[in-house]
């Protein structure tokens, strides 16, 4: 599992990601490095701050880097990820995930809500 924490140049957005890349050994390490770099590029160079846009960008770029097509089913290289983006001015949290849900804990009601889409 990899943790990505960062903020963009304006320091308005705070990004937290927990990811698990596919593969073992060298292939898994390679996918981890590529995905980490693509996350940084999406945030720092492309100035994306919507988590769904970030993950779509990373997915598209990874597909190009691995010379795959979206229809190929024999190769499943990629990552499962939960990405949260917090606006530090409004304290609004936005979430997007690939094969990972988010759980919202309500301590007063003693309840947990699972959101998967």
Protein backbone atom coordinates (compact mmCIF):
# COMPACT_ATOMS: atom_id res chain seq x y z
CA UNK A 1 0.00 0.00 0.00
CA UNK A 2 1.22 3.47 -0.85
CA UNK A 3 0.17 6.73 0.72
CA UNK A 4 0.23 9.94 -1.33
CA UNK A 5 -0.12 13.21 0.56
CA UNK A 6 0.35 16.53 -1.10
CA UNK A 7 -1.00 19.96 -1.82
CA UNK A 8 -1.05 22.10 -4.91
CA UNK A 9 0.81 25.38 -5.42
CA UNK A 10 -2.02 27.49 -4.04
CA UNK A 11 -2.25 25.34 -0.89
CA UNK A 12 -6.05 25.42 -1.17
CA UNK A 13 -6.33 21.68 -1.77
CA UNK A 14 -5.00 18.88 0.41
CA UNK A 15 -4.73 15.44 -1.20
CA UNK A 16 -4.66 12.07 0.56
CA UNK A 17 -4.56 8.75 -1.25
CA UNK A 18 -4.21 5.14 -0.18
CA UNK A 19 -3.38 2.83 -3.06
CA UNK A 20 -2.56 -0.80 -3.69
CA UNK A 21 -0.87 -1.49 -7.02
CA UNK A 22 -1.22 -4.80 -8.81
CA UNK A 23 1.69 -7.14 -9.31
CA UNK A 24 4.39 -8.61 -7.11
CA UNK A 25 8.07 -7.79 -7.00
CA UNK A 26 9.46 -5.70 -9.83
CA UNK A 27 6.19 -5.37 -11.84
CA UNK A 28 4.29 -4.15 -8.76
CA UNK A 29 7.09 -1.74 -7.86
CA UNK A 30 7.15 -0.37 -11.39
CA UNK A 31 3.39 0.21 -11.40
CA UNK A 32 3.67 1.91 -7.98
CA UNK A 33 6.34 4.32 -9.21
CA UNK A 34 4.50 5.11 -12.44
CA UNK A 35 1.21 5.73 -10.59
CA UNK A 36 2.92 7.89 -7.95
CA UNK A 37 4.48 10.02 -10.68
CA UNK A 38 1.18 10.28 -12.56
CA UNK A 39 -0.65 11.40 -9.39
CA UNK A 40 1.98 14.10 -8.86
CA UNK A 41 1.75 15.19 -12.51
CA UNK A 42 -2.05 15.41 -12.33
CA UNK A 43 -1.93 17.60 -9.22
CA UNK A 44 1.24 19.64 -9.67
CA UNK A 45 1.49 20.04 -13.44
CA UNK A 46 -2.09 19.69 -14.69
CA UNK A 47 -3.48 21.51 -11.62
CA UNK A 48 -6.35 19.04 -11.26
CA UNK A 49 -8.22 19.11 -7.95
CA UNK A 50 -11.29 16.96 -8.60
CA UNK A 51 -10.51 13.40 -7.46
CA UNK A 52 -12.48 11.78 -10.30
CA UNK A 53 -10.63 13.92 -12.87
CA UNK A 54 -7.31 13.01 -11.26
CA UNK A 55 -8.03 9.27 -11.35
CA UNK A 56 -9.33 9.45 -14.93
CA UNK A 57 -6.15 11.26 -15.96
CA UNK A 58 -3.93 8.71 -14.19
CA UNK A 59 -5.88 5.81 -15.71
CA UNK A 60 -5.59 7.26 -19.22
CA UNK A 61 -1.88 8.03 -18.88
CA UNK A 62 -1.11 4.60 -17.39
CA UNK A 63 -2.92 2.94 -20.28
CA UNK A 64 -0.79 4.94 -22.73
CA UNK A 65 2.42 4.20 -20.81
CA UNK A 66 1.75 0.45 -20.82
CA UNK A 67 0.71 0.51 -24.49
CA UNK A 68 -2.66 -1.02 -23.61
CA UNK A 69 -6.14 -0.32 -24.85
CA UNK A 70 -9.14 0.08 -22.58
CA UNK A 71 -10.66 -3.07 -24.11
CA UNK A 72 -7.72 -5.36 -23.28
CA UNK A 73 -8.75 -7.79 -20.61
CA UNK A 74 -5.66 -10.00 -20.43
CA UNK A 75 -3.52 -7.37 -18.67
CA UNK A 76 -4.83 -5.98 -15.40
CA UNK A 77 -1.98 -3.69 -14.38
CA UNK A 78 -3.06 -0.71 -12.35
CA UNK A 79 -4.04 0.22 -8.83
CA UNK A 80 -6.91 0.16 -6.40
CA UNK A 81 -7.06 3.60 -4.83
CA UNK A 82 -9.03 5.84 -2.51
CA UNK A 83 -8.40 9.52 -3.18
CA UNK A 84 -9.68 12.31 -0.96
CA UNK A 85 -9.30 16.00 -1.74
CA UNK A 86 -10.00 18.55 0.97
CA UNK A 87 -10.59 22.22 0.24
CA UNK A 88 -8.75 23.84 3.16
CA UNK A 89 -10.85 27.02 2.95
CA UNK A 90 -14.33 25.44 2.96
CA UNK A 91 -13.34 22.11 4.61
CA UNK A 92 -15.30 20.30 1.88
CA UNK A 93 -14.08 16.76 1.22
CA UNK A 94 -14.40 15.14 -2.21
CA UNK A 95 -13.72 11.46 -2.80
CA UNK A 96 -13.19 9.15 -5.72
CA UNK A 97 -12.04 5.56 -5.70
CA UNK A 98 -11.05 2.74 -7.98
CA UNK A 99 -12.22 -0.56 -6.46
CA UNK A 100 -12.19 0.99 -2.97
CA UNK A 101 -15.14 2.45 -1.06
CA UNK A 102 -15.02 5.19 1.54
CA UNK A 103 -16.46 4.75 5.02
CA UNK A 104 -17.97 7.70 6.85
CA UNK A 105 -18.02 7.26 10.60
CA UNK A 106 -20.77 9.01 12.55
CA UNK A 107 -19.58 8.86 16.17
CA UNK A 108 -22.65 10.55 17.65
CA UNK A 109 -25.07 8.16 15.94
CA UNK A 110 -22.63 5.26 16.44
CA UNK A 111 -23.01 4.37 12.75
CA UNK A 112 -20.85 3.75 9.69
CA UNK A 113 -21.87 4.57 6.13
CA UNK A 114 -20.18 2.78 3.24
CA UNK A 115 -20.08 4.71 -0.04
CA UNK A 116 -18.82 2.84 -3.07
CA UNK A 117 -19.90 5.07 -5.96
